[in-house]
Amino acid sequence: MNEDILSFIWRFQYFAAEALYTDEGSQLSIIRTGHRNGNSGPDFSEARVVIGEFQWIGSIEIHVKSSDWYLHDHETDPAYETVILHVVWENDRPVVRRDGTLLPTLTLKGIVKKSVLERYTQLQDETETIPCAPMFAQVNEIQKYGMLDRTLLERLDKKASLVMELLARNNNDWEETAYQWLARNFGFKLNDAPFTRLTEIVTWKIIRKHRDKLSQIEALLFGCAGLIPIESNDFYIRQLRTEYQFLSAKYGLKTQQMNGHEWKNLRMRPAGFPTVRLAQFARLIHKNGSLFSEIISTSAFSSLQAMFHTEQSDYWQDHYLFEKKSKGKVPFLGKDSVNLLIINGAVPLLVGYAKHRQQPELLEKAIYWLSEIGAEKNRITREWEMLGMKVTTAADSQALIEWYNHYCTFRKCLECTVGATLIRSVSL
């Protein structure tokens, strides 16, 4: 037993609500169960109940045991003075208010509908990774796709929150934030940390002064990344080092230079090596100038794709490491990589800006972008497809990933539309 299921039972009154009495012997009528409180304080607010001859308006607190009131130190917290009814599974200790009066208690054990507890236990104990999988077909499409819409917005909101945190660290500088955020995504998970650190050293304020000269952008990025060889007869490397020595002295970057060993390329195809990704990121900056403005002002999805479809400089078209010439041509940033940069880079940035400016039309544009990208194919999306869900676009796959990771993995069936529907269906 836990407070989540007890709150669910209280909210929807899945118990014998007729002829109710408090444990103290007063007749109890529930007019309104109240509003669920997601913050600190009592579990439900603005509830309305009749106890004996008096009608009360206030808060409801839910506990497994009544003694949890004292375990959680509610007796010393003024916020709990508004509680008018204590709803528990087991009453093992009377609760006394600060003024010395007894807090009315309702014990649910023995009056809860057995079918509700059995269905909840069934979902919690299910061995399938998606706990409702054996019963998924019992829920109508409206409920399923309503949950899909909800989890898409939740996922976008989470990612946008990360952008907003970065914005706060950058003193509300959107250009700096976009530069760092996109660089992080060019790391494609394995190198997101070193990419982030690099752009904290070579800030946008520095890089924007040299965005018209690709050689200088590459010198700053490769140099501060600690990747330029110290000795080499290669003309490109010698030119890069000369540029870096001058620029690092100008901006005082030498002492902040990263160690080349921070970058990872093990078990990675050469096209994904950090050297290649850095060269592509340098070209993106050189090609577009203001990354943030380009993303915010772009409407057509094809224009957004064109923005990210970059060709690295000549050297990196036949090299994947310094002084390591490739056997064939090193691919440019491909369609799949571009789509991932849009999904994880451009879209959260746009949603963050939409929230910041309170412009819902930008949120709609972000969702439109996702709808123009084919669905991601992975273990999670395949599981949903096996249950009959249509996984067509990136909007679908992103929503289903959030649904799986946030609800299914943690067995939050009570908070899920499908799970709650399956529980309610046995309470009728």
Protein backbone atom coordinates (compact mmCIF):
# COMPACT_ATOMS: atom_id res chain seq x y z
CA MET A 1 0.00 0.00 0.00
CA ASN A 2 1.20 3.54 -0.76
CA GLU A 3 -0.05 7.11 -0.72
CA ASP A 4 -0.33 7.29 -4.52
CA ILE A 5 -3.05 4.64 -4.76
CA LEU A 6 -4.78 6.00 -1.64
CA SER A 7 -4.87 9.49 -3.20
CA PHE A 8 -6.26 7.98 -6.41
CA ILE A 9 -8.93 6.11 -4.44
CA TRP A 10 -9.88 9.24 -2.49
CA ARG A 11 -9.98 11.45 -5.57
CA PHE A 12 -12.37 9.18 -7.46
CA GLN A 13 -14.12 7.82 -4.35
CA TYR A 14 -13.44 4.17 -5.12
CA PHE A 15 -14.84 3.05 -1.79
CA ALA A 16 -18.23 2.46 -0.23
CA ALA A 17 -19.19 6.12 0.10
CA GLU A 18 -22.70 5.52 1.41
CA ALA A 19 -23.30 5.69 5.17
CA LEU A 20 -19.74 6.78 5.89
CA TYR A 21 -18.54 7.47 9.41
CA THR A 22 -15.28 8.87 10.73
CA ASP A 23 -13.31 6.67 13.09
CA GLU A 24 -14.54 8.95 15.87
CA GLY A 25 -18.15 7.96 15.10
CA SER A 26 -19.41 11.07 13.27
CA GLN A 27 -21.43 10.69 10.08
CA LEU A 28 -19.42 11.77 7.05
CA SER A 29 -20.60 13.07 3.66
CA ILE A 30 -18.16 14.00 0.90
CA ILE A 31 -19.33 16.91 -1.24
CA ARG A 32 -16.01 17.61 -2.98
CA THR A 33 -12.77 15.63 -2.67
CA GLY A 34 -10.65 18.72 -3.45
CA HIS A 35 -7.87 19.62 -5.85
CA ARG A 36 -4.71 17.50 -5.95
CA ASN A 37 -1.76 19.48 -4.65
CA GLY A 38 1.52 18.84 -6.46
CA ASN A 39 3.52 21.14 -4.19
CA SER A 40 4.35 21.09 -0.49
CA GLY A 41 1.50 21.07 2.00
CA PRO A 42 -1.61 18.89 2.33
CA ASP A 43 -2.41 16.46 -0.50
CA PHE A 44 -5.78 17.98 -1.48
CA SER A 45 -7.00 21.55 -1.10
CA GLU A 46 -10.46 23.16 -1.22
CA ALA A 47 -12.27 19.98 -0.23
CA ARG A 48 -15.81 20.18 1.16
CA VAL A 49 -17.16 17.59 3.62
CA VAL A 50 -19.94 17.36 6.16
CA ILE A 51 -18.91 15.86 9.50
CA GLY A 52 -21.80 15.41 11.88
CA GLU A 53 -23.91 18.55 11.71
CA PHE A 54 -21.20 20.83 10.36
CA GLN A 55 -19.90 21.49 6.84
CA TRP A 56 -16.15 21.98 6.51
CA ILE A 57 -14.07 23.48 3.73
CA GLY A 58 -10.33 22.88 3.79
CA SER A 59 -7.57 20.39 3.06
CA ILE A 60 -7.33 16.60 3.05
CA GLU A 61 -4.17 14.76 4.04
CA ILE A 62 -3.51 11.18 2.87
CA HIS A 63 -1.33 8.68 4.74
CA VAL A 64 -0.85 4.92 4.82
CA LYS A 65 -0.80 5.04 8.62
CA SER A 66 -2.22 7.82 10.75
CA SER A 67 1.05 7.89 12.73
CA ASP A 68 2.77 9.12 9.54
CA TRP A 69 1.36 12.54 10.50
CA TYR A 70 3.93 12.68 13.27
CA LEU A 71 6.59 10.86 11.25
CA HIS A 72 6.39 13.69 8.69
CA ASP A 73 6.36 16.40 11.41
CA HIS A 74 3.00 17.81 10.29
CA GLU A 75 2.12 18.69 13.88
CA THR A 76 4.71 21.50 13.78
CA ASP A 77 3.85 22.78 10.29
CA PRO A 78 1.25 25.60 10.17
CA ALA A 79 0.36 24.61 6.58
CA TYR A 80 -1.43 21.54 7.96
CA GLU A 81 -3.72 23.57 10.20
CA THR A 82 -6.12 23.70 7.23
CA VAL A 83 -6.63 19.91 7.23
CA ILE A 84 -10.27 19.01 7.92
CA LEU A 85 -10.02 15.23 7.39
CA HIS A 86 -7.21 12.71 7.69
CA VAL A 87 -7.67 9.85 5.17
CA VAL A 88 -5.60 6.76 5.98
CA TRP A 89 -5.35 3.07 5.22
CA GLU A 90 -4.72 2.16 8.83
CA ASN A 91 -5.50 4.20 11.94
CA ASP A 92 -2.77 3.27 14.39
CA ARG A 93 -2.61 6.52 16.35
CA PRO A 94 -5.01 9.43 16.99
CA VAL A 95 -3.86 12.76 15.61
CA VAL A 96 -4.27 15.86 17.73
CA ARG A 97 -4.21 19.35 16.25
CA ARG A 98 -2.09 22.12 17.71
CA ASP A 99 -5.13 23.52 19.50
CA GLY A 100 -5.65 20.19 21.25
CA THR A 101 -8.69 19.01 19.25
CA LEU A 102 -8.84 15.59 17.61
CA LEU A 103 -8.41 15.52 13.82
CA PRO A 104 -11.28 13.53 12.21
CA THR A 105 -9.99 10.39 10.47
CA LEU A 106 -11.43 8.18 7.73
CA THR A 107 -9.93 4.68 7.47
CA LEU A 108 -10.17 3.24 3.95
CA LYS A 109 -9.09 -0.30 4.80
CA GLY A 110 -12.12 -2.52 4.54
CA ILE A 111 -14.26 -0.15 2.46
CA VAL A 112 -12.18 0.16 -0.74
CA LYS A 113 -13.45 -1.68 -3.80
CA LYS A 114 -11.40 -4.87 -4.00
CA SER A 115 -11.36 -4.83 -7.82
CA VAL A 116 -9.53 -1.48 -7.83
CA LEU A 117 -6.72 -2.76 -5.61
CA GLU A 118 -6.44 -5.98 -7.60
CA ARG A 119 -6.13 -4.16 -10.93
CA TYR A 120 -3.58 -1.71 -9.47
CA THR A 121 -1.51 -4.61 -8.07
CA GLN A 122 -1.74 -6.39 -11.41
CA LEU A 123 -0.27 -3.37 -13.21
CA GLN A 124 2.46 -2.83 -10.62
CA ASP A 125 3.52 -6.49 -10.67
CA GLU A 126 3.38 -6.95 -14.45
CA THR A 127 6.68 -8.25 -15.86
CA GLU A 128 6.18 -6.57 -19.25
CA THR A 129 8.18 -3.35 -19.64
CA ILE A 130 4.93 -1.61 -20.57
CA PRO A 131 2.81 -2.83 -17.64
CA CYS A 132 -0.57 -2.42 -19.32
CA ALA A 133 0.54 -4.32 -22.45
CA PRO A 134 -1.72 -7.36 -21.85
CA MET A 135 -4.74 -5.03 -21.44
CA PHE A 136 -3.74 -2.23 -23.81
CA ALA A 137 -6.32 -3.21 -26.43
CA GLN A 138 -9.12 -2.65 -23.90
CA VAL A 139 -8.55 1.12 -23.94
CA ASN A 140 -10.06 3.22 -26.72
CA GLU A 141 -8.01 5.21 -29.23
CA ILE A 142 -9.12 8.57 -27.85
CA GLN A 143 -7.55 7.78 -24.48
CA LYS A 144 -4.35 6.44 -26.03
CA TYR A 145 -3.74 9.31 -28.42
CA GLY A 146 -4.79 11.83 -25.80
CA MET A 147 -1.96 10.46 -23.67
CA LEU A 148 0.34 10.69 -26.69
CA ASP A 149 -0.42 14.41 -27.09
CA ARG A 150 0.15 14.96 -23.39
CA THR A 151 3.52 13.19 -23.24
CA LEU A 152 4.78 15.04 -26.31
CA LEU A 153 4.14 18.37 -24.57
CA GLU A 154 5.73 17.04 -21.38
CA ARG A 155 8.86 15.98 -23.24
CA LEU A 156 9.13 19.31 -25.04
CA ASP A 157 8.66 21.11 -21.74
CA LYS A 158 11.42 19.09 -20.07
CA LYS A 159 13.91 19.77 -22.84
CA ALA A 160 12.93 23.42 -22.96
CA SER A 161 13.57 23.65 -19.22
CA LEU A 162 17.18 22.60 -19.83
CA VAL A 163 17.48 25.38 -22.39
CA MET A 164 16.05 27.87 -19.88
CA GLU A 165 18.55 26.76 -17.23
CA LEU A 166 21.35 27.36 -19.73
CA LEU A 167 19.84 30.73 -20.62
CA ALA A 168 19.85 31.76 -16.95
CA ARG A 169 23.55 30.81 -16.65
CA ASN A 170 24.21 32.94 -19.74
CA ASN A 171 22.44 36.00 -18.31
CA ASN A 172 19.54 35.73 -20.79
CA ASP A 173 21.85 35.80 -23.80
CA TRP A 174 20.00 33.76 -26.42
CA GLU A 175 22.84 33.76 -28.95
CA GLU A 176 25.30 32.34 -26.40
CA THR A 177 22.71 29.82 -25.28
CA ALA A 178 21.92 28.64 -28.81
CA TYR A 179 25.63 28.27 -29.58
CA GLN A 180 26.27 26.16 -26.46
CA TRP A 181 23.08 24.14 -26.81
CA LEU A 182 23.70 23.21 -30.44
CA ALA A 183 27.35 22.38 -29.71
CA ARG A 184 26.22 20.01 -26.98
CA ASN A 185 23.98 18.26 -29.50
CA PHE A 186 26.81 18.00 -32.01
CA GLY A 187 28.42 15.74 -29.41
CA PHE A 188 25.63 13.20 -30.04
CA LYS A 189 25.57 12.01 -26.39
CA LEU A 190 29.04 10.44 -26.31
CA ASN A 191 30.82 13.79 -26.62
CA ASP A 192 28.15 16.18 -25.37
CA ALA A 193 30.15 16.98 -22.21
CA PRO A 194 33.42 17.97 -23.97
CA PHE A 195 31.47 19.93 -26.58
CA THR A 196 29.73 21.82 -23.78
CA ARG A 197 33.00 22.54 -22.01
CA LEU A 198 34.62 23.70 -25.24
CA THR A 199 31.91 26.32 -25.89
CA GLU A 200 32.24 27.55 -22.32
CA ILE A 201 35.92 28.26 -23.09
CA VAL A 202 35.47 29.57 -26.64
CA THR A 203 32.34 31.61 -26.01
CA TRP A 204 30.01 32.99 -28.65
CA LYS A 205 31.32 36.46 -27.86
CA ILE A 206 34.72 35.28 -29.10
CA ILE A 207 33.67 33.04 -31.97
CA ARG A 208 31.27 35.57 -33.52
CA LYS A 209 34.16 37.95 -34.18
CA HIS A 210 35.71 35.35 -36.47
CA ARG A 211 32.66 33.71 -38.04
CA ASP A 212 33.54 35.12 -41.47
CA LYS A 213 36.83 33.16 -41.49
CA LEU A 214 36.40 29.40 -41.30
CA SER A 215 40.11 28.80 -40.69
CA GLN A 216 39.98 30.94 -37.55
CA ILE A 217 36.82 29.22 -36.25
CA GLU A 218 38.51 25.85 -36.74
CA ALA A 219 41.71 27.09 -35.09
CA LEU A 220 39.81 28.26 -31.99
CA LEU A 221 37.72 25.10 -31.68
CA PHE A 222 40.40 22.51 -32.45
CA GLY A 223 43.02 24.40 -30.48
CA CYS A 224 41.00 24.82 -27.29
CA ALA A 225 39.79 21.24 -27.67
CA GLY A 226 43.43 20.18 -27.31
CA LEU A 227 43.37 18.28 -30.59
CA ILE A 228 45.91 20.11 -32.79
CA PRO A 229 49.17 18.09 -33.00
CA ILE A 230 52.19 19.90 -31.54
CA GLU A 231 54.55 18.87 -34.33
CA SER A 232 53.55 18.25 -37.94
CA ASN A 233 54.74 18.85 -41.49
CA ASP A 234 51.13 19.00 -42.69
CA PHE A 235 50.42 22.45 -44.13
CA TYR A 236 46.84 22.58 -42.82
CA ILE A 237 47.91 21.62 -39.28
CA ARG A 238 50.78 24.13 -39.24
CA GLN A 239 48.44 26.89 -40.46
CA LEU A 240 45.85 25.93 -37.84
CA ARG A 241 48.45 25.98 -35.05
CA THR A 242 49.77 29.38 -36.12
CA GLU A 243 46.24 30.81 -36.10
CA TYR A 244 45.53 29.23 -32.72
CA GLN A 245 48.71 30.52 -31.10
CA PHE A 246 47.82 34.07 -32.10
CA LEU A 247 44.12 33.84 -31.13
CA SER A 248 44.69 32.00 -27.85
CA ALA A 249 47.18 34.67 -26.79
CA LYS A 250 44.75 37.42 -27.83
CA TYR A 251 41.89 36.01 -25.74
CA GLY A 252 43.89 34.37 -22.95
CA LEU A 253 42.69 30.88 -23.81
CA LYS A 254 45.90 28.86 -23.50
CA THR A 255 45.50 28.13 -19.79
CA GLN A 256 41.94 26.88 -20.33
CA GLN A 257 42.84 24.50 -23.15
CA MET A 258 41.26 21.06 -22.85
CA ASN A 259 43.11 17.76 -22.88
CA GLY A 260 42.65 15.89 -26.14
CA HIS A 261 41.96 12.70 -24.18
CA GLU A 262 38.63 14.15 -23.03
CA TRP A 263 37.20 13.38 -26.46
CA LYS A 264 35.86 9.90 -27.16
CA ASN A 265 35.95 8.02 -30.45
CA LEU A 266 36.05 4.39 -29.35
CA ARG A 267 33.50 2.06 -31.00
CA MET A 268 32.48 4.90 -33.28
CA ARG A 269 32.36 5.13 -37.05
CA PRO A 270 34.95 7.59 -38.44
CA ALA A 271 32.17 9.89 -39.72
CA GLY A 272 31.13 10.43 -36.10
CA PHE A 273 34.60 11.17 -34.72
CA PRO A 274 34.71 14.39 -32.65
CA THR A 275 37.24 15.89 -35.08
CA VAL A 276 34.75 15.51 -37.93
CA ARG A 277 31.87 16.81 -35.81
CA LEU A 278 33.93 19.84 -34.77
CA ALA A 279 34.72 20.59 -38.39
CA GLN A 280 31.01 20.36 -39.24
CA PHE A 281 30.08 22.59 -36.31
CA ALA A 282 32.68 25.14 -37.43
CA ARG A 283 31.15 25.13 -40.91
CA LEU A 284 27.65 25.58 -39.44
CA ILE A 285 28.80 28.72 -37.62
CA HIS A 286 30.61 30.04 -40.69
CA LYS A 287 27.68 29.30 -42.98
CA ASN A 288 24.88 30.77 -40.85
CA GLY A 289 26.32 33.51 -38.71
CA SER A 290 23.65 33.91 -36.04
CA LEU A 291 22.55 30.39 -35.12
CA PHE A 292 19.76 31.55 -32.84
CA SER A 293 18.23 34.04 -35.26
CA GLU A 294 18.38 31.52 -38.09
CA ILE A 295 16.43 28.93 -36.12
CA ILE A 296 13.82 31.32 -34.73
CA SER A 297 13.14 33.04 -38.04
CA THR A 298 13.01 29.86 -40.16
CA SER A 299 9.51 28.69 -41.05
CA ALA A 300 9.92 26.19 -43.86
CA PHE A 301 11.19 22.83 -42.66
CA SER A 302 13.29 22.42 -45.80
CA SER A 303 15.14 25.65 -44.92
CA LEU A 304 15.85 24.31 -41.44
CA GLN A 305 17.25 21.10 -42.88
CA ALA A 306 19.40 23.10 -45.30
CA MET A 307 20.77 25.11 -42.40
CA PHE A 308 22.10 21.98 -40.69
CA HIS A 309 23.16 20.14 -43.83
CA THR A 310 26.76 21.29 -43.74
CA GLU A 311 29.87 20.19 -45.58
CA GLN A 312 33.04 20.19 -43.54
CA SER A 313 36.11 21.95 -44.95
CA ASP A 314 38.28 20.25 -47.60
CA TYR A 315 40.79 18.72 -45.17
CA TRP A 316 38.05 16.94 -43.24
CA GLN A 317 36.49 15.52 -46.38
CA ASP A 318 39.31 13.02 -46.66
CA HIS A 319 40.57 12.96 -43.04
CA TYR A 320 38.78 11.72 -39.92
CA LEU A 321 41.72 12.43 -37.59
CA PHE A 322 44.67 14.81 -37.88
CA GLU A 323 47.29 13.23 -40.16
CA LYS A 324 45.02 10.19 -40.74
CA LYS A 325 43.78 10.18 -44.30
CA SER A 326 40.64 8.17 -44.91
CA LYS A 327 40.41 5.48 -47.58
CA GLY A 328 37.24 7.01 -48.95
CA LYS A 329 35.47 10.35 -48.71
CA VAL A 330 34.32 11.28 -45.21
CA PRO A 331 30.52 11.78 -45.38
CA PHE A 332 28.93 15.13 -44.77
CA LEU A 333 26.38 15.57 -42.02
CA GLY A 334 23.71 13.11 -43.18
CA LYS A 335 19.93 13.19 -43.07
CA ASP A 336 19.64 11.11 -39.90
CA SER A 337 22.16 13.27 -38.04
CA VAL A 338 20.47 16.45 -39.25
CA ASN A 339 17.12 15.16 -38.02
CA LEU A 340 18.60 14.37 -34.60
CA LEU A 341 20.05 17.88 -34.40
CA ILE A 342 16.62 19.31 -35.18
CA ILE A 343 14.81 17.02 -32.71
CA ASN A 344 17.22 17.52 -29.82
CA GLY A 345 18.72 20.89 -30.70
CA ALA A 346 16.54 23.24 -32.73
CA VAL A 347 13.14 22.13 -31.39
CA PRO A 348 13.91 22.49 -27.64
CA LEU A 349 15.54 25.84 -28.36
CA LEU A 350 12.44 27.07 -30.16
CA VAL A 351 10.12 25.74 -27.44
CA GLY A 352 12.22 27.42 -24.76
CA TYR A 353 11.99 30.71 -26.62
CA ALA A 354 8.23 30.22 -27.09
CA LYS A 355 7.83 29.83 -23.32
CA HIS A 356 10.11 32.76 -22.60
CA ARG A 357 8.22 35.06 -24.97
CA GLN A 358 4.82 33.46 -24.35
CA GLN A 359 4.32 32.87 -28.06
CA PRO A 360 2.30 29.66 -28.56
CA GLU A 361 2.62 29.92 -32.32
CA LEU A 362 6.31 29.07 -31.95
CA LEU A 363 5.40 25.93 -30.02
CA GLU A 364 3.11 24.98 -32.89
CA LYS A 365 5.99 25.50 -35.31
CA ALA A 366 8.22 23.23 -33.23
CA ILE A 367 5.59 20.48 -33.30
CA TYR A 368 5.19 21.00 -37.04
CA TRP A 369 8.95 20.47 -37.47
CA LEU A 370 8.73 17.20 -35.54
CA SER A 371 5.81 16.09 -37.68
CA GLU A 372 7.96 16.55 -40.79
CA ILE A 373 10.60 14.11 -39.52
CA GLY A 374 10.19 10.36 -39.71
CA ALA A 375 9.84 8.50 -36.42
CA GLU A 376 12.95 7.35 -34.59
CA LYS A 377 13.41 3.59 -34.71
CA ASN A 378 14.56 2.00 -31.46
CA ARG A 379 13.60 -0.63 -28.91
CA ILE A 380 11.03 1.62 -27.24
CA THR A 381 9.19 2.62 -30.40
CA ARG A 382 9.15 -1.01 -31.57
CA GLU A 383 7.44 -2.04 -28.31
CA TRP A 384 4.71 0.55 -28.86
CA GLU A 385 4.26 -0.54 -32.47
CA MET A 386 3.72 -4.12 -31.27
CA LEU A 387 0.84 -2.79 -29.17
CA GLY A 388 -0.74 -1.22 -32.24
CA MET A 389 0.37 2.39 -31.80
CA LYS A 390 1.05 4.28 -35.02
CA VAL A 391 4.63 5.56 -34.91
CA THR A 392 4.94 7.69 -38.03
CA THR A 393 6.68 10.94 -37.14
CA ALA A 394 9.29 12.20 -34.68
CA ALA A 395 6.42 13.79 -32.75
CA ASP A 396 5.07 10.27 -32.21
CA SER A 397 8.39 8.71 -31.26
CA GLN A 398 9.33 11.54 -28.91
CA ALA A 399 5.97 11.28 -27.15
CA LEU A 400 6.23 7.49 -26.84
CA ILE A 401 9.77 7.67 -25.49
CA GLU A 402 8.58 10.09 -22.80
CA TRP A 403 5.55 7.93 -22.04
CA TYR A 404 7.76 4.85 -21.65
CA ASN A 405 10.59 6.49 -19.69
CA HIS A 406 8.52 8.61 -17.33
CA TYR A 407 5.40 6.49 -16.77
CA CYS A 408 5.98 2.84 -17.73
CA THR A 409 9.50 2.49 -16.35
CA PHE A 410 8.48 3.89 -12.95
CA ARG A 411 5.05 2.21 -12.96
CA LYS A 412 3.24 5.54 -12.71
CA CYS A 413 0.05 3.91 -13.96
CA LEU A 414 -2.15 6.13 -11.79
CA GLU A 415 -0.83 9.24 -13.53
CA CYS A 416 -1.18 7.69 -16.99
CA THR A 417 -4.46 8.10 -18.85
CA VAL A 418 -4.38 4.49 -20.03
CA GLY A 419 -3.46 3.04 -16.64
CA ALA A 420 -6.05 5.13 -14.80
CA THR A 421 -8.70 4.12 -17.36
CA LEU A 422 -7.94 0.43 -16.84
CA ILE A 423 -8.29 0.84 -13.07
CA ARG A 424 -11.50 2.85 -13.34
CA SER A 425 -12.98 0.25 -15.69
CA VAL A 426 -13.10 -2.36 -12.90
CA SER A 427 -14.62 0.02 -10.35
CA LEU A 428 -17.96 0.33 -12.13
